[in-house]
Amino acid sequence: MKLKLIHHLSLFSLPWIQKEMEIFILLSTLMLLTNLSLADTNEVLGLQCSGSDNATLENQYQVNLNNLLDSLAANGPIHNGFYTATEGKGTYRIFGITQCRGDVSPTDCAACIRNSTMVRGCSTSKNVTMWLTWCVLRYSNMSFFGVWDQSAMALTNDTNFENSNVVSQGLNFMNELAATAPQSPLMFQTAVLDVGQSGKRYGMAQCSRDISKSDCGRCFVYLLATFRTTIGNKRGWEIHGASCSMWYHDYQFYFNFSIPANEGAMKISHERVAIRLMIPVLLFLLSSL
């Protein structure tokens, strides 16, 4: 199945991120080469890392990071799948957030957070966002709580195009979801679109619960506008952001229960992955091999 590498430069809302080169990397290379179904497994989808911050050279930072990850893993599942924590003081202080998809069970939520804390793909970075199938993990040495972060990546299948008669319906459907999801209790919502002979389309949207409802709505609008060309004619796609995410598929991918309940959702069988990389970063990585 043909894959396409998409280049994209995202503007970041935090000053310290603007001073660094953000790197989007995909850990699971096999996901690009084999026809995997992630319906029953929880996988790492992608990582966003700051440049080398010499984090591995600072023992106290590592101790604080381990304590932070332990706290997130222990508390996230018992706080409706969302938890914020801080660890340490001064220059070694770390801020962290974990959030599960609103449709997964507490058991799957716990497993996802636990898995995320064991992945150290950005071992020298202090500013990290990690997306997994069922959850997202963020931590930084700078406070980001309550701040809308515009960084995001898109996952698409470049060989599975949407019926031309459904493209506009699908985009309108997701725009409607973007308008209503921020008003839901957990800023999480699923919806179904019936497109007649072409079947049904399933959508899901979720914001990080530390941001405001108004920023949640703006976040969705930003994702749809920024990735419009990438997702416009695709039959299935996902946009994973630091502050909000959206999913669109032609099958029911979310579970039928939620955290704590009554929000709907289902399992996700992933399409092929296209991840956005900045060209200078790609050249840097190749030159360092």
C-alpha atoms as a PDB file:
ATOM      1  CA  MET A   1       0.000   0.000   0.000  1.00  0.00           C
ATOM      2  CA  LYS A   2       1.482   3.331  -1.050  1.00  0.00           C
ATOM      3  CA  LEU A   3       2.410   5.793   1.651  1.00  0.00           C
ATOM      4  CA  LYS A   4       2.991   9.487   1.341  1.00  0.00           C
ATOM      5  CA  LEU A   5       5.299  11.579   3.517  1.00  0.00           C
ATOM      6  CA  ILE A   6       3.769  14.971   4.167  1.00  0.00           C
ATOM      7  CA  HIS A   7       5.786  17.998   5.186  1.00  0.00           C
ATOM      8  CA  HIS A   8       4.285  20.544   7.516  1.00  0.00           C
ATOM      9  CA  LEU A   9       5.487  23.320   9.791  1.00  0.00           C
ATOM     10  CA  SER A  10       3.203  23.999  12.710  1.00  0.00           C
ATOM     11  CA  LEU A  11       3.161  27.216  14.734  1.00  0.00           C
ATOM     12  CA  PHE A  12       3.370  26.612  18.449  1.00  0.00           C
ATOM     13  CA  SER A  13       1.674  28.734  21.058  1.00  0.00           C
ATOM     14  CA  LEU A  14       4.280  28.400  23.807  1.00  0.00           C
ATOM     15  CA  PRO A  15       7.340  30.703  23.606  1.00  0.00           C
ATOM     16  CA  TRP A  16       9.796  27.999  24.598  1.00  0.00           C
ATOM     17  CA  ILE A  17       8.539  25.771  21.794  1.00  0.00           C
ATOM     18  CA  GLN A  18       9.045  28.580  19.304  1.00  0.00           C
ATOM     19  CA  LYS A  19      12.725  28.604  20.269  1.00  0.00           C
ATOM     20  CA  GLU A  20      13.178  24.921  19.532  1.00  0.00           C
ATOM     21  CA  MET A  21      12.939  22.733  16.470  1.00  0.00           C
ATOM     22  CA  GLU A  22      10.046  20.324  17.060  1.00  0.00           C
ATOM     23  CA  ILE A  23      10.555  16.856  15.666  1.00  0.00           C
ATOM     24  CA  PHE A  24       7.700  14.600  14.670  1.00  0.00           C
ATOM     25  CA  ILE A  25       8.866  10.993  14.561  1.00  0.00           C
ATOM     26  CA  LEU A  26       7.007   7.731  14.203  1.00  0.00           C
ATOM     27  CA  LEU A  27       8.425   4.971  16.381  1.00  0.00           C
ATOM     28  CA  SER A  28       6.711   1.956  14.880  1.00  0.00           C
ATOM     29  CA  THR A  29       8.279   1.762  11.422  1.00  0.00           C
ATOM     30  CA  LEU A  30       6.632  -1.594  10.855  1.00  0.00           C
ATOM     31  CA  MET A  31       3.274   0.159  10.886  1.00  0.00           C
ATOM     32  CA  LEU A  32       4.333   1.754   7.621  1.00  0.00           C
ATOM     33  CA  LEU A  33       5.432  -1.494   6.056  1.00  0.00           C
ATOM     34  CA  THR A  34       2.913  -4.087   7.140  1.00  0.00           C
ATOM     35  CA  ASN A  35      -0.847  -4.280   7.062  1.00  0.00           C
ATOM     36  CA  LEU A  36      -1.466  -4.158  10.804  1.00  0.00           C
ATOM     37  CA  SER A  37      -4.831  -3.927  12.505  1.00  0.00           C
ATOM     38  CA  LEU A  38      -4.723  -2.076  15.809  1.00  0.00           C
ATOM     39  CA  ALA A  39      -8.289  -2.906  16.775  1.00  0.00           C
ATOM     40  CA  ASP A  40      -7.280  -4.989  19.804  1.00  0.00           C
ATOM     41  CA  THR A  41      -3.921  -3.468  20.646  1.00  0.00           C
ATOM     42  CA  ASN A  42      -2.599  -0.199  21.937  1.00  0.00           C
ATOM     43  CA  GLU A  43       0.271   1.161  19.863  1.00  0.00           C
ATOM     44  CA  VAL A  44       2.489   4.221  19.796  1.00  0.00           C
ATOM     45  CA  LEU A  45       1.311   6.381  16.894  1.00  0.00           C
ATOM     46  CA  GLY A  46       3.840   9.178  17.086  1.00  0.00           C
ATOM     47  CA  LEU A  47       6.114  11.349  19.188  1.00  0.00           C
ATOM     48  CA  GLN A  48       6.783  15.052  19.257  1.00  0.00           C
ATOM     49  CA  CYS A  49      10.087  15.905  20.897  1.00  0.00           C
ATOM     50  CA  SER A  50      12.086  19.031  21.501  1.00  0.00           C
ATOM     51  CA  GLY A  51      15.735  18.999  20.536  1.00  0.00           C
ATOM     52  CA  SER A  52      18.334  17.476  22.802  1.00  0.00           C
ATOM     53  CA  ASP A  53      18.033  19.087  26.245  1.00  0.00           C
ATOM     54  CA  ASN A  54      20.636  16.864  27.934  1.00  0.00           C
ATOM     55  CA  ALA A  55      17.856  15.446  30.087  1.00  0.00           C
ATOM     56  CA  THR A  56      19.686  12.142  30.469  1.00  0.00           C
ATOM     57  CA  LEU A  57      22.651  13.937  32.059  1.00  0.00           C
ATOM     58  CA  GLU A  58      20.617  15.388  34.905  1.00  0.00           C
ATOM     59  CA  ASN A  59      20.018  12.783  37.585  1.00  0.00           C
ATOM     60  CA  GLN A  60      17.542  14.846  39.585  1.00  0.00           C
ATOM     61  CA  TYR A  61      15.498  15.520  36.452  1.00  0.00           C
ATOM     62  CA  GLN A  62      15.318  11.794  35.742  1.00  0.00           C
ATOM     63  CA  VAL A  63      14.195  11.062  39.297  1.00  0.00           C
ATOM     64  CA  ASN A  64      11.458  13.691  39.019  1.00  0.00           C
ATOM     65  CA  LEU A  65      10.388  12.414  35.607  1.00  0.00           C
ATOM     66  CA  ASN A  66      10.060   8.854  36.878  1.00  0.00           C
ATOM     67  CA  ASN A  67       7.982  10.061  39.824  1.00  0.00           C
ATOM     68  CA  LEU A  68       5.794  12.140  37.516  1.00  0.00           C
ATOM     69  CA  LEU A  69       5.133   9.227  35.168  1.00  0.00           C
ATOM     70  CA  ASP A  70       4.309   6.965  38.101  1.00  0.00           C
ATOM     71  CA  SER A  71       1.816   9.535  39.386  1.00  0.00           C
ATOM     72  CA  LEU A  72       0.127   9.905  35.998  1.00  0.00           C
ATOM     73  CA  ALA A  73      -0.114   6.130  35.561  1.00  0.00           C
ATOM     74  CA  ALA A  74      -1.614   5.647  39.016  1.00  0.00           C
ATOM     75  CA  ASN A  75      -4.083   8.522  38.945  1.00  0.00           C
ATOM     76  CA  GLY A  76      -5.187   8.894  35.321  1.00  0.00           C
ATOM     77  CA  PRO A  77      -7.472   5.842  35.199  1.00  0.00           C
ATOM     78  CA  ILE A  78      -9.218   6.709  38.474  1.00  0.00           C
ATOM     79  CA  HIS A  79      -9.881  10.335  37.480  1.00  0.00           C
ATOM     80  CA  ASN A  80     -12.087   9.665  34.452  1.00  0.00           C
ATOM     81  CA  GLY A  81      -9.067   9.155  32.225  1.00  0.00           C
ATOM     82  CA  PHE A  82      -7.557  12.611  32.736  1.00  0.00           C
ATOM     83  CA  TYR A  83      -4.926  13.777  35.197  1.00  0.00           C
ATOM     84  CA  THR A  84      -2.389  16.574  35.608  1.00  0.00           C
ATOM     85  CA  ALA A  85       0.614  16.488  37.901  1.00  0.00           C
ATOM     86  CA  THR A  86       3.825  18.316  38.731  1.00  0.00           C
ATOM     87  CA  GLU A  87       7.009  16.985  40.260  1.00  0.00           C
ATOM     88  CA  GLY A  88      10.129  18.639  41.645  1.00  0.00           C
ATOM     89  CA  LYS A  89      11.176  22.244  42.201  1.00  0.00           C
ATOM     90  CA  GLY A  90      13.112  24.961  40.438  1.00  0.00           C
ATOM     91  CA  THR A  91      14.903  24.063  37.226  1.00  0.00           C
ATOM     92  CA  TYR A  92      14.096  20.382  37.730  1.00  0.00           C
ATOM     93  CA  ARG A  93      10.325  20.848  38.006  1.00  0.00           C
ATOM     94  CA  ILE A  94       8.258  18.870  35.490  1.00  0.00           C
ATOM     95  CA  PHE A  95       4.639  19.335  34.406  1.00  0.00           C
ATOM     96  CA  GLY A  96       2.653  16.421  33.000  1.00  0.00           C
ATOM     97  CA  ILE A  97      -0.768  15.522  31.587  1.00  0.00           C
ATOM     98  CA  THR A  98      -2.270  12.242  30.520  1.00  0.00           C
ATOM     99  CA  GLN A  99      -5.666  11.732  28.914  1.00  0.00           C
ATOM    100  CA  CYS A 100      -7.425   8.674  27.557  1.00  0.00           C
ATOM    101  CA  ARG A 101      -9.850   8.640  24.670  1.00  0.00           C
ATOM    102  CA  GLY A 102     -13.315   9.154  26.055  1.00  0.00           C
ATOM    103  CA  ASP A 103     -14.562   5.847  24.703  1.00  0.00           C
ATOM    104  CA  VAL A 104     -12.107   3.397  26.260  1.00  0.00           C
ATOM    105  CA  SER A 105     -12.710   1.404  29.425  1.00  0.00           C
ATOM    106  CA  PRO A 106     -10.845   2.175  32.667  1.00  0.00           C
ATOM    107  CA  THR A 107      -8.864  -1.036  32.159  1.00  0.00           C
ATOM    108  CA  ASP A 108      -7.712  -0.060  28.673  1.00  0.00           C
ATOM    109  CA  CYS A 109      -7.074   3.467  29.878  1.00  0.00           C
ATOM    110  CA  ALA A 110      -4.793   2.196  32.627  1.00  0.00           C
ATOM    111  CA  ALA A 111      -2.941  -0.070  30.195  1.00  0.00           C
ATOM    112  CA  CYS A 112      -2.427   2.762  27.719  1.00  0.00           C
ATOM    113  CA  ILE A 113      -1.058   5.196  30.284  1.00  0.00           C
ATOM    114  CA  ARG A 114       1.175   2.500  31.738  1.00  0.00           C
ATOM    115  CA  ASN A 115       2.515   1.717  28.246  1.00  0.00           C
ATOM    116  CA  SER A 116       3.118   5.399  27.513  1.00  0.00           C
ATOM    117  CA  THR A 117       5.250   5.828  30.630  1.00  0.00           C
ATOM    118  CA  MET A 118       7.509   2.976  29.539  1.00  0.00           C
ATOM    119  CA  VAL A 119       8.341   4.455  26.114  1.00  0.00           C
ATOM    120  CA  ARG A 120      11.434   6.612  26.220  1.00  0.00           C
ATOM    121  CA  GLY A 121      11.805   7.527  22.568  1.00  0.00           C
ATOM    122  CA  CYS A 122      12.719  11.119  23.484  1.00  0.00           C
ATOM    123  CA  SER A 123      15.181  10.307  26.237  1.00  0.00           C
ATOM    124  CA  THR A 124      17.191  13.526  25.871  1.00  0.00           C
ATOM    125  CA  SER A 125      14.170  15.823  25.524  1.00  0.00           C
ATOM    126  CA  LYS A 126      12.351  17.705  28.269  1.00  0.00           C
ATOM    127  CA  ASN A 127       9.325  18.652  26.174  1.00  0.00           C
ATOM    128  CA  VAL A 128       7.499  15.578  24.892  1.00  0.00           C
ATOM    129  CA  THR A 129       4.074  14.703  23.497  1.00  0.00           C
ATOM    130  CA  MET A 130       3.296  11.047  22.837  1.00  0.00           C
ATOM    131  CA  TRP A 131       0.199   9.756  21.037  1.00  0.00           C
ATOM    132  CA  LEU A 132      -0.956   6.181  21.520  1.00  0.00           C
ATOM    133  CA  THR A 133      -4.072   4.470  20.209  1.00  0.00           C
ATOM    134  CA  TRP A 134      -6.076   5.057  23.376  1.00  0.00           C
ATOM    135  CA  CYS A 135      -4.326   7.926  25.161  1.00  0.00           C
ATOM    136  CA  VAL A 136      -1.925  10.838  24.991  1.00  0.00           C
ATOM    137  CA  LEU A 137       0.935  11.745  27.338  1.00  0.00           C
ATOM    138  CA  ARG A 138       2.580  15.155  27.628  1.00  0.00           C
ATOM    139  CA  TYR A 139       5.310  16.453  29.896  1.00  0.00           C
ATOM    140  CA  SER A 140       7.576  19.498  29.954  1.00  0.00           C
ATOM    141  CA  ASN A 141       9.879  21.493  32.192  1.00  0.00           C
ATOM    142  CA  MET A 142       7.676  24.530  31.411  1.00  0.00           C
ATOM    143  CA  SER A 143       4.050  24.866  32.503  1.00  0.00           C
ATOM    144  CA  PHE A 144       1.573  24.332  29.671  1.00  0.00           C
ATOM    145  CA  PHE A 145      -1.620  23.628  31.631  1.00  0.00           C
ATOM    146  CA  GLY A 146      -4.617  25.439  30.197  1.00  0.00           C
ATOM    147  CA  VAL A 147      -2.734  26.629  27.107  1.00  0.00           C
ATOM    148  CA  TRP A 148      -3.967  25.660  23.652  1.00  0.00           C
ATOM    149  CA  ASP A 149      -1.044  24.104  21.778  1.00  0.00           C
ATOM    150  CA  GLN A 150      -1.454  24.021  17.988  1.00  0.00           C
ATOM    151  CA  SER A 151       1.036  21.226  17.244  1.00  0.00           C
ATOM    152  CA  ALA A 152      -0.567  18.242  15.515  1.00  0.00           C
ATOM    153  CA  MET A 153      -0.044  15.398  13.060  1.00  0.00           C
ATOM    154  CA  ALA A 154      -2.326  13.708  10.531  1.00  0.00           C
ATOM    155  CA  LEU A 155      -2.678   9.984   9.808  1.00  0.00           C
ATOM    156  CA  THR A 156      -4.219   9.064   6.471  1.00  0.00           C
ATOM    157  CA  ASN A 157      -4.454   6.248   3.940  1.00  0.00           C
ATOM    158  CA  ASP A 158      -3.370   7.703   0.608  1.00  0.00           C
ATOM    159  CA  THR A 159      -4.831   4.830  -1.422  1.00  0.00           C
ATOM    160  CA  ASN A 160      -8.318   4.868   0.076  1.00  0.00           C
ATOM    161  CA  PHE A 161     -10.167   7.854  -1.344  1.00  0.00           C
ATOM    162  CA  GLU A 162     -13.621   9.031  -0.380  1.00  0.00           C
ATOM    163  CA  ASN A 163     -16.538   8.887  -2.771  1.00  0.00           C
ATOM    164  CA  SER A 164     -16.611  12.309  -4.448  1.00  0.00           C
ATOM    165  CA  ASN A 165     -20.302  12.655  -3.617  1.00  0.00           C
ATOM    166  CA  VAL A 166     -19.554  12.190   0.070  1.00  0.00           C
ATOM    167  CA  VAL A 167     -16.525  14.468   0.485  1.00  0.00           C
ATOM    168  CA  SER A 168     -18.453  17.664   1.220  1.00  0.00           C
ATOM    169  CA  GLN A 169     -20.953  15.793   3.423  1.00  0.00           C
ATOM    170  CA  GLY A 170     -18.106  14.306   5.443  1.00  0.00           C
ATOM    171  CA  LEU A 171     -16.391  17.646   5.988  1.00  0.00           C
ATOM    172  CA  ASN A 172     -19.659  19.323   6.965  1.00  0.00           C
ATOM    173  CA  PHE A 173     -20.312  16.435   9.331  1.00  0.00           C
ATOM    174  CA  MET A 174     -16.967  16.900  11.048  1.00  0.00           C
ATOM    175  CA  ASN A 175     -17.425  20.667  11.203  1.00  0.00           C
ATOM    176  CA  GLU A 176     -20.724  20.098  13.001  1.00  0.00           C
ATOM    177  CA  LEU A 177     -18.988  17.724  15.399  1.00  0.00           C
ATOM    178  CA  ALA A 178     -16.328  20.372  16.009  1.00  0.00           C
ATOM    179  CA  ALA A 179     -19.046  22.859  16.926  1.00  0.00           C
ATOM    180  CA  THR A 180     -20.934  20.589  19.336  1.00  0.00           C
ATOM    181  CA  ALA A 181     -18.179  18.545  21.022  1.00  0.00           C
ATOM    182  CA  PRO A 182     -16.824  21.451  23.131  1.00  0.00           C
ATOM    183  CA  GLN A 183     -20.217  21.732  24.840  1.00  0.00           C
ATOM    184  CA  SER A 184     -20.335  18.079  25.896  1.00  0.00           C
ATOM    185  CA  PRO A 185     -19.458  17.231  29.534  1.00  0.00           C
ATOM    186  CA  LEU A 186     -15.968  15.894  28.776  1.00  0.00           C
ATOM    187  CA  MET A 187     -15.413  17.866  25.556  1.00  0.00           C
ATOM    188  CA  PHE A 188     -15.711  14.483  23.864  1.00  0.00           C
ATOM    189  CA  GLN A 189     -18.314  13.360  21.345  1.00  0.00           C
ATOM    190  CA  THR A 190     -19.010  10.719  18.715  1.00  0.00           C
ATOM    191  CA  ALA A 191     -21.470  10.922  15.818  1.00  0.00           C
ATOM    192  CA  VAL A 192     -22.669   8.927  12.814  1.00  0.00           C
ATOM    193  CA  LEU A 193     -23.382  10.193   9.287  1.00  0.00           C
ATOM    194  CA  ASP A 194     -25.649   8.175   6.983  1.00  0.00           C
ATOM    195  CA  VAL A 195     -24.601   8.726   3.364  1.00  0.00           C
ATOM    196  CA  GLY A 196     -27.114   6.374   1.742  1.00  0.00           C
ATOM    197  CA  GLN A 197     -25.689   3.811  -0.653  1.00  0.00           C
ATOM    198  CA  SER A 198     -22.163   4.750   0.410  1.00  0.00           C
ATOM    199  CA  GLY A 199     -22.915   3.500   3.911  1.00  0.00           C
ATOM    200  CA  LYS A 200     -22.116   5.382   7.089  1.00  0.00           C
ATOM    201  CA  ARG A 201     -19.287   7.554   8.328  1.00  0.00           C
ATOM    202  CA  TYR A 202     -18.227   7.699  11.964  1.00  0.00           C
ATOM    203  CA  GLY A 203     -16.663  10.699  13.633  1.00  0.00           C
ATOM    204  CA  MET A 204     -15.126  11.416  17.006  1.00  0.00           C
ATOM    205  CA  ALA A 205     -13.665  14.571  18.555  1.00  0.00           C
ATOM    206  CA  GLN A 206     -11.973  15.210  21.882  1.00  0.00           C
ATOM    207  CA  CYS A 207     -10.165  18.083  23.589  1.00  0.00           C
ATOM    208  CA  SER A 208      -7.690  18.022  26.436  1.00  0.00           C
ATOM    209  CA  ARG A 209      -9.735  18.871  29.509  1.00  0.00           C
ATOM    210  CA  ASP A 210      -7.297  21.483  30.782  1.00  0.00           C
ATOM    211  CA  ILE A 211      -8.203  23.969  28.028  1.00  0.00           C
ATOM    212  CA  SER A 212     -11.380  26.060  27.913  1.00  0.00           C
ATOM    213  CA  LYS A 213     -14.453  25.173  25.864  1.00  0.00           C
ATOM    214  CA  SER A 214     -13.841  28.169  23.621  1.00  0.00           C
ATOM    215  CA  ASP A 215     -10.240  27.114  22.964  1.00  0.00           C
ATOM    216  CA  CYS A 216     -11.499  23.582  22.366  1.00  0.00           C
ATOM    217  CA  GLY A 217     -13.755  24.824  19.574  1.00  0.00           C
ATOM    218  CA  ARG A 218     -10.968  26.922  18.072  1.00  0.00           C
ATOM    219  CA  CYS A 219      -8.634  23.943  18.247  1.00  0.00           C
ATOM    220  CA  PHE A 220     -10.984  21.791  16.156  1.00  0.00           C
ATOM    221  CA  VAL A 221     -11.466  24.557  13.599  1.00  0.00           C
ATOM    222  CA  TYR A 222      -7.705  24.982  13.361  1.00  0.00           C
ATOM    223  CA  LEU A 223      -7.122  21.258  12.746  1.00  0.00           C
ATOM    224  CA  LEU A 224      -9.748  21.059  10.011  1.00  0.00           C
ATOM    225  CA  ALA A 225      -8.406  24.168   8.299  1.00  0.00           C
ATOM    226  CA  THR A 226      -4.727  23.273   8.611  1.00  0.00           C
ATOM    227  CA  PHE A 227      -5.104  19.714   7.329  1.00  0.00           C
ATOM    228  CA  ARG A 228      -7.931  20.401   4.864  1.00  0.00           C
ATOM    229  CA  THR A 229      -5.903  19.404   1.803  1.00  0.00           C
ATOM    230  CA  THR A 230      -4.533  16.289   3.497  1.00  0.00           C
ATOM    231  CA  ILE A 231      -7.840  14.847   4.711  1.00  0.00           C
ATOM    232  CA  GLY A 232     -10.345  16.331   2.278  1.00  0.00           C
ATOM    233  CA  ASN A 233     -10.741  13.383  -0.094  1.00  0.00           C
ATOM    234  CA  LYS A 234      -9.709  10.557   2.253  1.00  0.00           C
ATOM    235  CA  ARG A 235     -12.150   7.857   3.289  1.00  0.00           C
ATOM    236  CA  GLY A 236     -10.485   7.585   6.671  1.00  0.00           C
ATOM    237  CA  TRP A 237      -8.248   9.931   8.612  1.00  0.00           C
ATOM    238  CA  GLU A 238      -7.157  11.007  12.065  1.00  0.00           C
ATOM    239  CA  ILE A 239      -5.639  14.247  13.320  1.00  0.00           C
ATOM    240  CA  HIS A 240      -3.830  13.978  16.630  1.00  0.00           C
ATOM    241  CA  GLY A 241      -3.021  17.241  18.366  1.00  0.00           C
ATOM    242  CA  ALA A 242      -1.498  18.223  21.673  1.00  0.00           C
ATOM    243  CA  SER A 243      -4.735  19.939  22.738  1.00  0.00           C
ATOM    244  CA  CYS A 244      -7.410  18.256  20.609  1.00  0.00           C
ATOM    245  CA  SER A 245      -7.878  15.367  18.205  1.00  0.00           C
ATOM    246  CA  MET A 246     -10.393  14.240  15.563  1.00  0.00           C
ATOM    247  CA  TRP A 247     -11.151  10.876  13.925  1.00  0.00           C
ATOM    248  CA  TYR A 248     -13.146  10.026  10.769  1.00  0.00           C
ATOM    249  CA  HIS A 249     -13.682   6.520   9.338  1.00  0.00           C
ATOM    250  CA  ASP A 250     -16.153   4.483   7.309  1.00  0.00           C
ATOM    251  CA  TYR A 251     -16.509   1.850  10.037  1.00  0.00           C
ATOM    252  CA  GLN A 252     -17.426   2.023  13.707  1.00  0.00           C
ATOM    253  CA  PHE A 253     -13.976   2.341  15.213  1.00  0.00           C
ATOM    254  CA  TYR A 254     -14.869   3.470  18.718  1.00  0.00           C
ATOM    255  CA  PHE A 255     -16.019   1.434  21.678  1.00  0.00           C
ATOM    256  CA  ASN A 256     -19.603   1.356  22.878  1.00  0.00           C
ATOM    257  CA  PHE A 257     -18.775   2.577  26.365  1.00  0.00           C
ATOM    258  CA  SER A 258     -16.897   5.524  27.764  1.00  0.00           C
ATOM    259  CA  ILE A 259     -15.262   7.081  30.799  1.00  0.00           C
ATOM    260  CA  PRO A 260     -17.181   7.321  33.006  1.00  0.00           C
ATOM    261  CA  ALA A 261     -20.148   6.332  30.794  1.00  0.00           C
ATOM    262  CA  ASN A 262     -22.636   7.324  28.128  1.00  0.00           C
ATOM    263  CA  GLU A 263     -20.303   8.992  25.651  1.00  0.00           C
ATOM    264  CA  GLY A 264     -20.014   6.173  23.102  1.00  0.00           C
ATOM    265  CA  ALA A 265     -16.956   4.844  21.302  1.00  0.00           C
ATOM    266  CA  MET A 266     -15.256   1.864  19.763  1.00  0.00           C
ATOM    267  CA  LYS A 267     -12.228   0.059  18.549  1.00  0.00           C
ATOM    268  CA  ILE A 268      -9.948   1.572  15.981  1.00  0.00           C
ATOM    269  CA  SER A 269      -8.511  -0.386  13.071  1.00  0.00           C
ATOM    270  CA  HIS A 270      -5.855   1.913  11.759  1.00  0.00           C
ATOM    271  CA  GLU A 271      -5.380   3.189   8.258  1.00  0.00           C
ATOM    272  CA  ARG A 272      -1.926   3.692   6.855  1.00  0.00           C
ATOM    273  CA  VAL A 273       0.044   6.436   8.472  1.00  0.00           C
ATOM    274  CA  ALA A 274       1.343   9.659   6.978  1.00  0.00           C
ATOM    275  CA  ILE A 275       3.138  11.872   9.458  1.00  0.00           C
ATOM    276  CA  ARG A 276       4.115  15.505   8.991  1.00  0.00           C
ATOM    277  CA  LEU A 277       7.793  16.309   9.279  1.00  0.00           C
ATOM    278  CA  MET A 278       9.647  19.558   8.852  1.00  0.00           C
ATOM    279  CA  ILE A 279      12.051  19.284   5.911  1.00  0.00           C
ATOM    280  CA  PRO A 280      15.054  20.750   7.809  1.00  0.00           C
ATOM    281  CA  VAL A 281      14.542  18.214  10.601  1.00  0.00           C
ATOM    282  CA  LEU A 282      14.333  15.330   8.150  1.00  0.00           C
ATOM    283  CA  LEU A 283      17.595  16.425   6.529  1.00  0.00           C
ATOM    284  CA  PHE A 284      19.190  16.753   9.959  1.00  0.00           C
ATOM    285  CA  LEU A 285      18.153  13.234  10.952  1.00  0.00           C
ATOM    286  CA  LEU A 286      19.449  11.762   7.687  1.00  0.00           C
ATOM    287  CA  SER A 287      22.776  13.543   8.019  1.00  0.00           C
ATOM    288  CA  SER A 288      23.236  12.224  11.542  1.00  0.00           C
ATOM    289  CA  LEU A 289      22.881   8.565  10.565  1.00  0.00           C
END
